[in-house]
């Protein structure tokens, strides 16, 4: 899989929008040694304290003959799956199971973003590990192996009702008898009882909110120790609280799968969302504060996440009054590129082009599942710059949601052909017969970028003048004269592929504003 993704990077670069007019600023990212990337390194296999046998023995040790009153049977199955293709992998994803690409009952010698089982091979989907509630149907036809029957007390209503059983103490005993006592929470303030992890994930933007921390919004926080797993999403202020208690020290992860419906990937492997592994923490939870000097990947992911969350939150009738991007949006971050794009490849745009077919051949079905819709180039970018390029590309994604693949394919084709035939010139010269698609798309993208940036950071809306052959200032001029962003957006129908089309559509939708519309287009030579 890694080889496939590496060969796809040039395609993503080709379809990128050029934002080279933005200044290059040294972001000052310094590595945080507690966050590591690359492949996870496993150590020895451990004896899982949550197996039915171990929990039964622990119950007997703690309560003696009293334990006979409680019948411990498996609440869950610890299973690993080996999907043979994309359809099987997506069936697992859609089943609602929390999947890990590495075993849960092994010592981890070195943290990382991903694991690829060497016995499976580099170019195959690796084993996917999950804890399946007993009775839940396993997706049909997918190869799987039952590794253990396990007992999670929170999953057993009958035993939870046994109020005189301290299941936290039983868990701690299970850790002791399996040789895992070192994994118990050693904090004297918390080790006396199991804790429900809670905390806050924050970030700061020096130019926003007076530089005060604010929440990393809607991101998934996951914690597990062996097969006991808890997940939740942060709220808009970055607070989270899980629903399971832990006696040991869980391993915490941020999974950039946002509750708004977008994923930020990728880890060079077959995963739809990037993961920042935060390592072990106390059972009561962890707090995390991210700055521009934090570990680079974590900062970039959190800043992009928040820009996207903010954008999605505003795509409502009483705010921007525009369509949100399509569901299951895939955003990839490129830390070594300045350019960004909204190719919408995951949603099918441009994938039938000869260039794509020739370049990736038999991998096309896989690409349709896992290629990005949006790429964000974050090389030496500040939070403010990440914000503006992310909302620019998301504005394109909203446009795509309204006009579809038939509009977007010639748009992307024009950008690539211009790149190839005009020496990498951004957006070409506007002379091709498909240039109108680019004209309308980029006018909208830059207009939304600048108005949203002004509302967040203050200042004035940038006037582009003759920076490009297309004129984003047309939208700005109309907006400043009372035509709302929602009204402008509704004019971006699939048939509007030139400024002439746009003018006619706006007049048709807003006949009472015909004079100001005509004056605006005439003023900008259109």
Protein backbone atom coordinates (compact mmCIF):
# COMPACT_ATOMS: atom_id res chain seq x y z
CA UNK A 1 0.00 0.00 0.00
CA UNK A 2 2.77 2.44 0.80
CA UNK A 3 4.23 2.00 -2.68
CA UNK A 4 0.82 2.68 -4.25
CA UNK A 5 0.30 5.87 -2.27
CA UNK A 6 3.77 7.13 -3.10
CA UNK A 7 3.07 6.67 -6.81
CA UNK A 8 -0.19 8.62 -6.46
CA UNK A 9 1.41 11.74 -5.01
CA UNK A 10 2.33 13.24 -8.42
CA UNK A 11 -1.33 13.05 -9.44
CA UNK A 12 -2.36 15.00 -6.37
CA UNK A 13 0.35 17.56 -7.10
CA UNK A 14 -0.79 17.96 -10.71
CA UNK A 15 -4.33 18.90 -9.76
CA UNK A 16 -3.26 21.38 -7.09
CA UNK A 17 -4.39 24.99 -7.07
CA UNK A 18 -1.46 27.36 -6.86
CA UNK A 19 -1.33 29.63 -3.81
CA UNK A 20 2.20 30.86 -4.39
CA UNK A 21 1.07 34.45 -3.88
CA UNK A 22 1.00 33.74 -0.16
CA UNK A 23 4.22 34.68 1.65
CA UNK A 24 6.56 31.97 2.89
CA UNK A 25 6.87 32.23 6.64
CA UNK A 26 9.01 30.05 8.89
CA UNK A 27 6.52 28.35 11.18
CA UNK A 28 9.11 27.28 13.76
CA UNK A 29 7.86 23.69 14.19
CA UNK A 30 10.08 21.70 16.50
CA UNK A 31 9.66 17.95 16.96
CA UNK A 32 8.06 16.71 20.17
CA UNK A 33 9.89 13.50 21.13
CA UNK A 34 6.73 12.06 22.70
CA UNK A 35 4.98 11.92 19.31
CA UNK A 36 6.46 9.50 16.83
CA UNK A 37 5.62 8.70 13.24
CA UNK A 38 6.31 5.79 10.97
CA UNK A 39 5.49 2.18 11.68
CA UNK A 40 4.71 0.90 15.18
CA UNK A 41 7.26 -1.57 16.54
CA UNK A 42 5.79 -4.44 18.52
CA UNK A 43 7.44 -6.30 21.38
CA UNK A 44 6.37 -9.49 23.13
CA UNK A 45 2.84 -10.83 23.35
CA UNK A 46 1.17 -10.09 26.68
CA UNK A 47 -1.40 -12.05 28.66
CA UNK A 48 -4.64 -10.12 28.24
CA UNK A 49 -6.26 -9.55 31.66
CA UNK A 50 -9.70 -9.21 30.08
CA UNK A 51 -10.04 -12.78 28.81
CA UNK A 52 -12.94 -14.67 30.36
CA UNK A 53 -10.57 -17.06 32.14
CA UNK A 54 -8.44 -14.30 33.64
CA UNK A 55 -11.42 -12.22 34.78
CA UNK A 56 -13.04 -15.31 36.35
CA UNK A 57 -9.83 -16.12 38.24
CA UNK A 58 -9.49 -12.50 39.39
CA UNK A 59 -13.10 -12.49 40.62
CA UNK A 60 -12.47 -15.67 42.60
CA UNK A 61 -9.26 -14.24 44.11
CA UNK A 62 -11.01 -11.06 45.27
CA UNK A 63 -14.35 -12.47 46.44
CA UNK A 64 -13.70 -16.16 47.15
CA UNK A 65 -16.83 -18.30 47.32
CA UNK A 66 -18.97 -15.22 46.77
CA UNK A 67 -17.75 -15.24 43.19
CA UNK A 68 -19.90 -18.30 42.49
CA UNK A 69 -22.95 -16.03 42.39
CA UNK A 70 -21.64 -14.28 39.28
CA UNK A 71 -21.50 -16.12 35.99
CA UNK A 72 -18.78 -14.60 33.84
CA UNK A 73 -19.36 -15.27 30.16
CA UNK A 74 -17.93 -13.50 27.16
CA UNK A 75 -19.36 -10.05 26.51
CA UNK A 76 -17.20 -9.51 23.42
CA UNK A 77 -14.99 -11.30 20.94
CA UNK A 78 -11.45 -10.17 20.20
CA UNK A 79 -11.16 -10.70 16.47
CA UNK A 80 -8.82 -9.87 13.63
CA UNK A 81 -10.04 -9.45 10.06
CA UNK A 82 -8.13 -9.71 6.79
CA UNK A 83 -10.09 -7.86 4.08
CA UNK A 84 -9.08 -9.03 0.63
CA UNK A 85 -10.19 -5.90 -1.22
CA UNK A 86 -11.65 -2.42 -0.92
CA UNK A 87 -15.25 -3.56 -0.66
CA UNK A 88 -14.47 -5.77 2.31
CA UNK A 89 -12.43 -3.06 3.99
CA UNK A 90 -15.24 -0.53 3.55
CA UNK A 91 -17.77 -3.05 4.89
CA UNK A 92 -15.69 -3.25 8.06
CA UNK A 93 -15.46 0.53 8.26
CA UNK A 94 -19.21 0.86 7.88
CA UNK A 95 -19.96 -1.82 10.48
CA UNK A 96 -19.25 0.66 13.29
CA UNK A 97 -16.38 -1.34 14.74
CA UNK A 98 -13.37 0.54 16.08
CA UNK A 99 -10.50 -0.90 14.06
CA UNK A 100 -6.80 -0.97 14.88
CA UNK A 101 -4.18 -2.08 12.40
CA UNK A 102 -2.07 -3.69 15.14
CA UNK A 103 -2.78 -6.25 17.87
CA UNK A 104 -4.03 -4.99 21.23
CA UNK A 105 -2.28 -7.60 23.36
CA UNK A 106 1.33 -6.88 22.41
CA UNK A 107 3.92 -4.67 24.03
CA UNK A 108 4.61 -1.56 21.96
CA UNK A 109 8.30 -0.79 21.81
CA UNK A 110 7.94 2.27 19.62
CA UNK A 111 4.82 4.30 18.92
CA UNK A 112 3.89 5.32 15.40
CA UNK A 113 1.08 6.10 12.99
CA UNK A 114 0.44 2.66 11.57
CA UNK A 115 1.40 -1.01 11.49
CA UNK A 116 1.75 -3.34 8.51
CA UNK A 117 2.01 -7.03 9.34
CA UNK A 118 5.17 -8.28 7.57
CA UNK A 119 3.54 -11.65 6.89
CA UNK A 120 0.78 -9.96 4.89
CA UNK A 121 3.19 -8.00 2.68
CA UNK A 122 3.61 -4.34 1.83
CA UNK A 123 0.98 -4.08 -0.90
CA UNK A 124 -1.90 -5.90 0.77
CA UNK A 125 -4.45 -4.70 3.30
CA UNK A 126 -3.11 -5.62 6.72
CA UNK A 127 -4.97 -7.35 9.55
CA UNK A 128 -7.62 -5.19 11.21
CA UNK A 129 -8.17 -5.83 14.94
CA UNK A 130 -11.50 -5.20 16.63
CA UNK A 131 -13.53 -6.00 19.72
CA UNK A 132 -16.92 -7.25 18.51
CA UNK A 133 -19.87 -7.24 20.92
CA UNK A 134 -21.19 -10.75 21.34
CA UNK A 135 -24.25 -11.15 19.16
CA UNK A 136 -23.26 -8.47 16.65
CA UNK A 137 -23.25 -9.81 13.15
CA UNK A 138 -19.83 -9.89 11.52
CA UNK A 139 -19.82 -8.63 7.91
CA UNK A 140 -20.29 -11.67 5.71
CA UNK A 141 -17.52 -13.21 3.66
CA UNK A 142 -14.56 -11.44 5.27
CA UNK A 143 -11.79 -13.69 6.52
CA UNK A 144 -11.40 -13.44 10.29
CA UNK A 145 -9.82 -15.20 13.23
CA UNK A 146 -11.20 -15.37 16.77
CA UNK A 147 -8.32 -14.50 19.08
CA UNK A 148 -10.05 -14.53 22.46
CA UNK A 149 -13.37 -14.39 24.26
CA UNK A 150 -13.22 -11.40 26.61
CA UNK A 151 -15.20 -9.91 29.45
CA UNK A 152 -15.77 -6.13 29.74
CA UNK A 153 -17.90 -5.45 32.82
CA UNK A 154 -19.49 -2.30 31.34
CA UNK A 155 -20.86 -4.47 28.53
CA UNK A 156 -22.65 -6.88 30.90
CA UNK A 157 -25.81 -5.27 32.36
CA UNK A 158 -26.48 -8.23 34.66
CA UNK A 159 -23.10 -8.00 36.36
CA UNK A 160 -23.20 -4.19 36.47
CA UNK A 161 -26.36 -4.58 38.53
CA UNK A 162 -24.41 -6.58 41.12
CA UNK A 163 -23.65 -3.53 43.23
CA UNK A 164 -21.59 -5.35 45.83
CA UNK A 165 -18.95 -6.37 43.26
CA UNK A 166 -16.15 -3.84 42.77
CA UNK A 167 -15.32 -4.55 39.15
CA UNK A 168 -12.48 -2.05 39.19
CA UNK A 169 -10.78 -4.10 41.90
CA UNK A 170 -11.43 -7.28 39.92
CA UNK A 171 -9.79 -5.66 36.90
CA UNK A 172 -6.77 -4.64 38.97
CA UNK A 173 -6.44 -8.21 40.24
CA UNK A 174 -6.63 -9.48 36.65
CA UNK A 175 -3.75 -7.17 35.77
CA UNK A 176 -1.73 -8.51 38.70
CA UNK A 177 -2.25 -12.22 37.98
CA UNK A 178 -1.35 -11.76 34.30
CA UNK A 179 1.92 -9.98 35.07
CA UNK A 180 0.66 -6.59 33.89
CA UNK A 181 0.68 -4.80 37.23
CA UNK A 182 3.11 -2.19 35.87
CA UNK A 183 0.32 -1.03 33.55
CA UNK A 184 -1.97 -0.09 36.44
CA UNK A 185 -2.38 3.61 37.14
CA UNK A 186 0.32 4.48 39.66
CA UNK A 187 -0.96 7.98 40.43
CA UNK A 188 -1.76 7.91 44.18
CA UNK A 189 -4.68 10.27 43.61
CA UNK A 190 -6.41 8.03 41.08
CA UNK A 191 -5.29 4.44 41.55
CA UNK A 192 -7.73 3.77 44.40
CA UNK A 193 -10.63 3.60 41.95
CA UNK A 194 -11.22 3.30 38.26
CA UNK A 195 -11.53 6.57 36.39
CA UNK A 196 -13.58 7.72 33.43
CA UNK A 197 -11.17 9.61 31.13
CA UNK A 198 -12.05 13.24 30.52
CA UNK A 199 -10.06 16.27 29.48
CA UNK A 200 -9.62 18.98 26.92
CA UNK A 201 -7.73 19.24 23.64
CA UNK A 202 -6.81 22.85 22.80
CA UNK A 203 -4.84 24.81 20.25
CA UNK A 204 -3.85 28.45 19.93
CA UNK A 205 -3.79 30.83 17.01
CA UNK A 206 -1.66 33.90 17.85
CA UNK A 207 -3.84 36.13 15.65
CA UNK A 208 -7.22 34.94 16.90
CA UNK A 209 -9.02 35.32 20.24
CA UNK A 210 -6.12 37.27 21.69
CA UNK A 211 -3.89 34.22 21.41
CA UNK A 212 -5.94 32.38 24.07
CA UNK A 213 -6.35 28.59 23.79
CA UNK A 214 -9.55 27.30 22.22
CA UNK A 215 -10.84 23.82 21.55
CA UNK A 216 -9.81 21.33 18.88
CA UNK A 217 -13.39 20.68 17.80
CA UNK A 218 -15.22 17.51 16.79
CA UNK A 219 -12.14 15.28 16.70
CA UNK A 220 -12.24 11.69 17.93
CA UNK A 221 -10.36 10.81 21.11
CA UNK A 222 -9.68 7.10 21.61
CA UNK A 223 -8.29 5.25 24.62
CA UNK A 224 -7.56 1.58 25.04
CA UNK A 225 -5.72 -0.77 27.31
CA UNK A 226 -5.66 -4.25 25.85
CA UNK A 227 -9.16 -4.91 24.48
CA UNK A 228 -10.94 -2.34 26.61
CA UNK A 229 -11.67 0.56 24.25
CA UNK A 230 -13.45 3.87 24.67
CA UNK A 231 -13.99 6.58 22.07
CA UNK A 232 -15.75 9.92 21.99
CA UNK A 233 -15.67 13.22 20.14
CA UNK A 234 -14.58 16.54 21.53
CA UNK A 235 -17.21 19.25 21.65
CA UNK A 236 -16.69 22.59 19.89
CA UNK A 237 -14.64 23.80 22.88
CA UNK A 238 -12.37 20.75 22.85
CA UNK A 239 -13.79 18.99 25.94
CA UNK A 240 -14.29 15.23 25.92
CA UNK A 241 -15.57 12.62 28.37
CA UNK A 242 -15.62 8.89 27.83
CA UNK A 243 -18.21 6.44 29.10
CA UNK A 244 -15.94 3.65 30.36
CA UNK A 245 -13.71 3.55 33.42
CA UNK A 246 -10.09 2.42 33.38
CA UNK A 247 -7.93 1.09 36.19
CA UNK A 248 -4.79 0.89 34.09
CA UNK A 249 -3.00 3.53 32.06
CA UNK A 250 -4.71 3.69 28.64
CA UNK A 251 -3.01 4.51 25.39
CA UNK A 252 -4.51 7.69 23.98
CA UNK A 253 -4.89 8.64 20.32
CA UNK A 254 -6.38 11.50 18.36
CA UNK A 255 -8.17 10.14 15.30
CA UNK A 256 -8.80 12.86 12.74
CA UNK A 257 -12.22 11.57 11.84
CA UNK A 258 -14.46 14.52 12.56
CA UNK A 259 -18.06 14.27 13.70
CA UNK A 260 -18.95 16.83 11.01
CA UNK A 261 -18.34 14.18 8.33
CA UNK A 262 -14.81 14.76 7.05
CA UNK A 263 -11.60 12.80 7.54
CA UNK A 264 -8.07 14.12 7.55
CA UNK A 265 -5.63 11.48 6.22
CA UNK A 266 -3.36 9.81 5.53
CA UNK A 267 -0.70 7.66 7.20
CA UNK A 268 0.75 6.17 3.97
CA UNK A 269 -1.52 3.19 4.38
CA UNK A 270 -5.09 2.15 3.84
CA UNK A 271 -6.71 4.32 6.49
CA UNK A 272 -9.24 7.10 5.90
CA UNK A 273 -8.12 9.25 8.82
CA UNK A 274 -4.75 10.19 10.26
CA UNK A 275 -3.89 9.22 13.81
CA UNK A 276 -1.69 11.08 16.28
CA UNK A 277 -0.72 8.61 18.99
CA UNK A 278 -0.29 10.44 22.29
CA UNK A 279 1.10 7.51 24.29
CA UNK A 280 0.03 6.26 27.71
CA UNK A 281 -1.70 8.54 30.18
CA UNK A 282 -3.48 8.44 33.49
CA UNK A 283 -6.85 6.74 33.75
CA UNK A 284 -8.56 10.04 34.61
CA UNK A 285 -7.73 11.40 31.14
CA UNK A 286 -5.23 13.71 29.54
CA UNK A 287 -5.21 17.33 28.46
CA UNK A 288 -3.32 18.41 25.36
CA UNK A 289 -2.41 21.92 24.26
CA UNK A 290 -1.14 22.41 20.71
CA UNK A 291 0.81 25.42 19.46
CA UNK A 292 2.67 26.23 16.30
CA UNK A 293 5.82 25.02 18.05
CA UNK A 294 4.29 21.62 18.83
CA UNK A 295 5.12 18.50 16.87
CA UNK A 296 4.55 19.43 13.23
CA UNK A 297 2.04 16.80 12.09
CA UNK A 298 -0.11 17.28 15.17
CA UNK A 299 -0.22 21.06 14.69
CA UNK A 300 -1.06 20.80 10.99
CA UNK A 301 -3.81 18.25 11.57
CA UNK A 302 -5.41 20.22 14.42
CA UNK A 303 -5.28 23.53 12.54
CA UNK A 304 -6.79 21.99 9.39
CA UNK A 305 -9.39 20.17 11.48
CA UNK A 306 -10.51 23.39 13.14
CA UNK A 307 -10.65 25.35 9.90
CA UNK A 308 -12.85 22.64 8.39
CA UNK A 309 -15.03 22.35 11.51
CA UNK A 310 -15.55 26.11 11.49
CA UNK A 311 -16.50 26.04 7.80
CA UNK A 312 -18.95 23.15 8.17
CA UNK A 313 -20.52 24.80 11.23
CA UNK A 314 -21.29 27.89 9.17
CA UNK A 315 -22.90 26.12 6.20
CA UNK A 316 -26.35 26.75 7.65
CA UNK A 317 -29.35 28.69 6.40
CA UNK A 318 -28.96 31.41 9.02
CA UNK A 319 -25.23 31.92 8.38
CA UNK A 320 -23.44 31.34 5.05
CA UNK A 321 -26.60 29.80 3.54
CA UNK A 322 -24.60 27.54 1.22
CA UNK A 323 -24.41 23.78 0.75
CA UNK A 324 -21.85 21.95 2.88
CA UNK A 325 -19.27 19.78 1.12
CA UNK A 326 -20.44 16.26 0.18
CA UNK A 327 -20.42 13.53 2.81
CA UNK A 328 -17.32 11.51 3.64
CA UNK A 329 -14.97 14.25 2.46
CA UNK A 330 -11.32 13.16 2.39
CA UNK A 331 -8.67 15.79 3.18
CA UNK A 332 -4.97 15.01 2.79
CA UNK A 333 -2.24 17.22 4.22
CA UNK A 334 1.08 17.64 2.38
CA UNK A 335 3.69 19.16 4.71
CA UNK A 336 6.30 19.54 1.96
CA UNK A 337 4.10 21.34 -0.58
CA UNK A 338 2.79 24.90 -0.75
CA UNK A 339 0.03 24.15 -3.26
CA UNK A 340 -3.46 22.92 -2.39
CA UNK A 341 -6.33 21.46 -4.41
CA UNK A 342 -9.97 20.45 -4.47
CA UNK A 343 -9.76 17.72 -7.09
CA UNK A 344 -12.70 15.78 -5.55
CA UNK A 345 -11.10 12.54 -6.71
CA UNK A 346 -12.65 10.48 -3.94
CA UNK A 347 -16.06 11.57 -5.20
CA UNK A 348 -15.25 10.54 -8.76
CA UNK A 349 -14.13 13.70 -10.54
CA UNK A 350 -11.52 13.26 -13.26
CA UNK A 351 -10.83 9.58 -12.55
CA UNK A 352 -11.70 8.46 -16.07
CA UNK A 353 -9.06 10.73 -17.59
CA UNK A 354 -6.45 8.92 -19.73
CA UNK A 355 -3.65 10.26 -17.53
CA UNK A 356 -5.11 8.65 -14.41
CA UNK A 357 -6.00 5.39 -16.17
CA UNK A 358 -2.51 5.01 -17.61
CA UNK A 359 -0.71 5.98 -14.44
CA UNK A 360 -2.44 3.72 -11.93
CA UNK A 361 -3.97 1.00 -14.09
CA UNK A 362 -5.38 -1.88 -12.04
CA UNK A 363 -5.36 0.22 -8.87
CA UNK A 364 -8.19 2.45 -10.12
CA UNK A 365 -10.92 0.80 -7.95
CA UNK A 366 -8.74 1.34 -4.87
CA UNK A 367 -8.03 4.93 -5.84
CA UNK A 368 -11.75 5.66 -6.12
CA UNK A 369 -12.10 4.71 -2.47
CA UNK A 370 -9.00 6.26 -0.95
CA UNK A 371 -7.81 9.20 -3.03
CA UNK A 372 -8.46 12.63 -1.52
CA UNK A 373 -11.06 15.21 -2.36
CA UNK A 374 -8.96 18.04 -0.97
CA UNK A 375 -5.22 18.43 -0.45
CA UNK A 376 -3.81 21.13 1.80
CA UNK A 377 -0.21 22.18 1.29
CA UNK A 378 1.13 23.29 4.68
CA UNK A 379 4.83 23.83 4.05
CA UNK A 380 6.00 26.64 6.37
CA UNK A 381 2.43 27.79 6.92
CA UNK A 382 1.12 29.66 9.95
CA UNK A 383 -2.25 28.84 11.48
CA UNK A 384 -3.78 31.80 9.64
CA UNK A 385 -2.47 30.56 6.29
CA UNK A 386 -3.70 27.02 6.94
CA UNK A 387 -7.10 28.48 7.80
CA UNK A 388 -7.44 30.50 4.61
CA UNK A 389 -6.29 27.78 2.20
CA UNK A 390 -8.48 25.18 3.91
CA UNK A 391 -11.64 27.29 3.64
CA UNK A 392 -10.71 28.15 0.04
CA UNK A 393 -10.68 24.46 -0.87
CA UNK A 394 -13.82 23.73 1.15
CA UNK A 395 -15.60 26.50 -0.76
CA UNK A 396 -14.69 24.55 -3.90
CA UNK A 397 -16.11 21.40 -2.29
CA UNK A 398 -19.41 23.17 -1.61
CA UNK A 399 -19.44 24.29 -5.26
CA UNK A 400 -18.82 20.66 -6.30
CA UNK A 401 -21.74 19.52 -4.14
CA UNK A 402 -23.98 21.74 -6.25
CA UNK A 403 -22.58 21.18 -9.76
CA UNK A 404 -21.30 17.57 -9.66
CA UNK A 405 -18.74 15.54 -11.58
CA UNK A 406 -19.73 16.70 -15.06
CA UNK A 407 -18.73 20.27 -14.18
CA UNK A 408 -15.68 19.34 -12.12
CA UNK A 409 -13.95 17.03 -14.57
CA UNK A 410 -13.34 19.68 -17.28
CA UNK A 411 -12.38 22.11 -14.50
CA UNK A 412 -9.61 19.84 -13.21
CA UNK A 413 -8.66 18.86 -16.76
CA UNK A 414 -8.13 22.53 -17.64
CA UNK A 415 -5.88 23.08 -14.61
CA UNK A 416 -3.72 20.06 -15.48
CA UNK A 417 -3.48 20.88 -19.18
CA UNK A 418 -2.50 24.45 -18.34
CA UNK A 419 0.14 23.21 -15.93
CA UNK A 420 1.63 20.95 -18.60
CA UNK A 421 1.39 23.24 -21.64
CA UNK A 422 2.11 26.61 -20.01
CA UNK A 423 5.13 25.78 -17.91
CA UNK A 424 3.38 25.34 -14.60
CA UNK A 425 1.56 28.68 -14.83
CA UNK A 426 -1.17 28.90 -12.19
CA UNK A 427 -4.63 28.60 -13.79
CA UNK A 428 -3.21 29.04 -17.28
CA UNK A 429 -3.98 32.10 -19.37
CA UNK A 430 -7.74 31.62 -19.72
CA UNK A 431 -7.72 30.95 -23.45
CA UNK A 432 -8.77 27.28 -23.48
CA UNK A 433 -12.41 26.41 -24.19
CA UNK A 434 -12.63 24.89 -20.68
CA UNK A 435 -11.25 27.99 -18.97
CA UNK A 436 -14.71 29.16 -17.92
CA UNK A 437 -15.03 26.28 -15.47
CA UNK A 438 -11.83 27.39 -13.77
CA UNK A 439 -12.88 31.03 -13.95
CA UNK A 440 -16.12 30.50 -12.01
CA UNK A 441 -14.59 28.02 -9.58
CA UNK A 442 -11.61 30.16 -8.62
CA UNK A 443 -13.62 33.38 -8.42
CA UNK A 444 -15.81 31.68 -5.84
CA UNK A 445 -12.91 30.05 -3.96
CA UNK A 446 -10.92 33.27 -3.55
CA UNK A 447 -14.02 35.30 -2.68
CA UNK A 448 -14.98 32.89 0.10
CA UNK A 449 -11.39 32.66 1.34
CA UNK A 450 -11.06 36.41 1.71
CA UNK A 451 -14.47 37.12 3.25
CA UNK A 452 -14.13 34.31 5.79
CA UNK A 453 -10.58 35.40 6.62
CA UNK A 454 -11.77 38.98 7.24
CA UNK A 455 -14.51 37.75 9.57
CA UNK A 456 -12.02 35.74 11.61
CA UNK A 457 -9.00 38.04 11.60
CA UNK A 458 -10.35 41.49 10.78
CA UNK A 459 -8.85 43.85 8.25
CA UNK A 460 -10.23 44.35 4.76
CA UNK A 461 -11.19 41.97 1.98
CA UNK A 462 -8.26 41.59 -0.39
CA UNK A 463 -8.69 43.18 -3.82
CA UNK A 464 -7.12 40.96 -6.49
CA UNK A 465 -7.16 43.49 -9.32
CA UNK A 466 -5.15 42.02 -12.21
CA UNK A 467 -3.46 39.28 -10.14
CA UNK A 468 -5.35 36.67 -12.19
CA UNK A 469 -7.14 36.69 -15.51
CA UNK A 470 -10.37 35.86 -13.66
CA UNK A 471 -11.95 38.41 -11.31
CA UNK A 472 -12.83 37.34 -7.74
CA UNK A 473 -13.55 41.02 -7.04
CA UNK A 474 -16.85 40.66 -8.93
CA UNK A 475 -18.26 38.55 -6.10
CA UNK A 476 -16.81 40.90 -3.47
CA UNK A 477 -18.33 43.98 -5.13
CA UNK A 478 -21.77 42.36 -5.34
CA UNK A 479 -21.54 41.09 -1.75
CA UNK A 480 -20.64 44.53 -0.42
CA UNK A 481 -23.72 45.88 -2.19
CA UNK A 482 -26.14 43.61 -0.43
CA UNK A 483 -26.20 40.38 -2.42
CA UNK A 484 -25.63 37.61 0.13
CA UNK A 485 -23.22 34.71 -0.17
CA UNK A 486 -26.21 32.37 -0.29
CA UNK A 487 -27.70 34.26 -3.24
CA UNK A 488 -24.37 34.24 -5.05
CA UNK A 489 -23.96 30.52 -4.35
CA UNK A 490 -27.38 29.66 -5.77
CA UNK A 491 -26.26 31.19 -9.06
CA UNK A 492 -23.47 28.59 -9.34
CA UNK A 493 -25.53 26.01 -11.17
CA UNK A 494 -23.99 23.32 -13.41
CA UNK A 495 -24.73 25.40 -16.52
CA UNK A 496 -22.77 28.43 -15.25
CA UNK A 497 -19.32 27.97 -16.81
CA UNK A 498 -18.38 31.56 -17.72
CA UNK A 499 -18.88 35.07 -16.41
CA UNK A 500 -21.51 35.66 -19.10
CA UNK A 501 -23.44 32.65 -17.78
CA UNK A 502 -22.98 33.93 -14.24
CA UNK A 503 -24.31 37.39 -15.06
CA UNK A 504 -27.38 35.98 -16.79
CA UNK A 505 -28.08 33.57 -13.94
CA UNK A 506 -27.76 36.27 -11.28
CA UNK A 507 -30.17 38.54 -13.17
CA UNK A 508 -32.62 35.66 -13.56
CA UNK A 509 -32.48 34.90 -9.83
CA UNK A 510 -32.38 38.55 -8.68
CA UNK A 511 -34.26 40.63 -11.25
CA UNK A 512 -34.67 43.51 -8.82
CA UNK A 513 -30.86 43.81 -8.67
CA UNK A 514 -30.30 43.78 -12.43
CA UNK A 515 -28.81 47.29 -12.55
CA UNK A 516 -26.11 46.71 -9.95
CA UNK A 517 -25.30 43.29 -11.45
CA UNK A 518 -24.80 44.72 -14.95
CA UNK A 519 -22.78 47.67 -13.61
CA UNK A 520 -20.50 45.31 -11.68
CA UNK A 521 -19.68 43.06 -14.61
CA UNK A 522 -19.18 46.06 -16.89
CA UNK A 523 -16.84 47.67 -14.33
CA UNK A 524 -14.64 44.56 -14.38
CA UNK A 525 -14.68 44.27 -18.16
CA UNK A 526 -17.03 41.32 -18.24
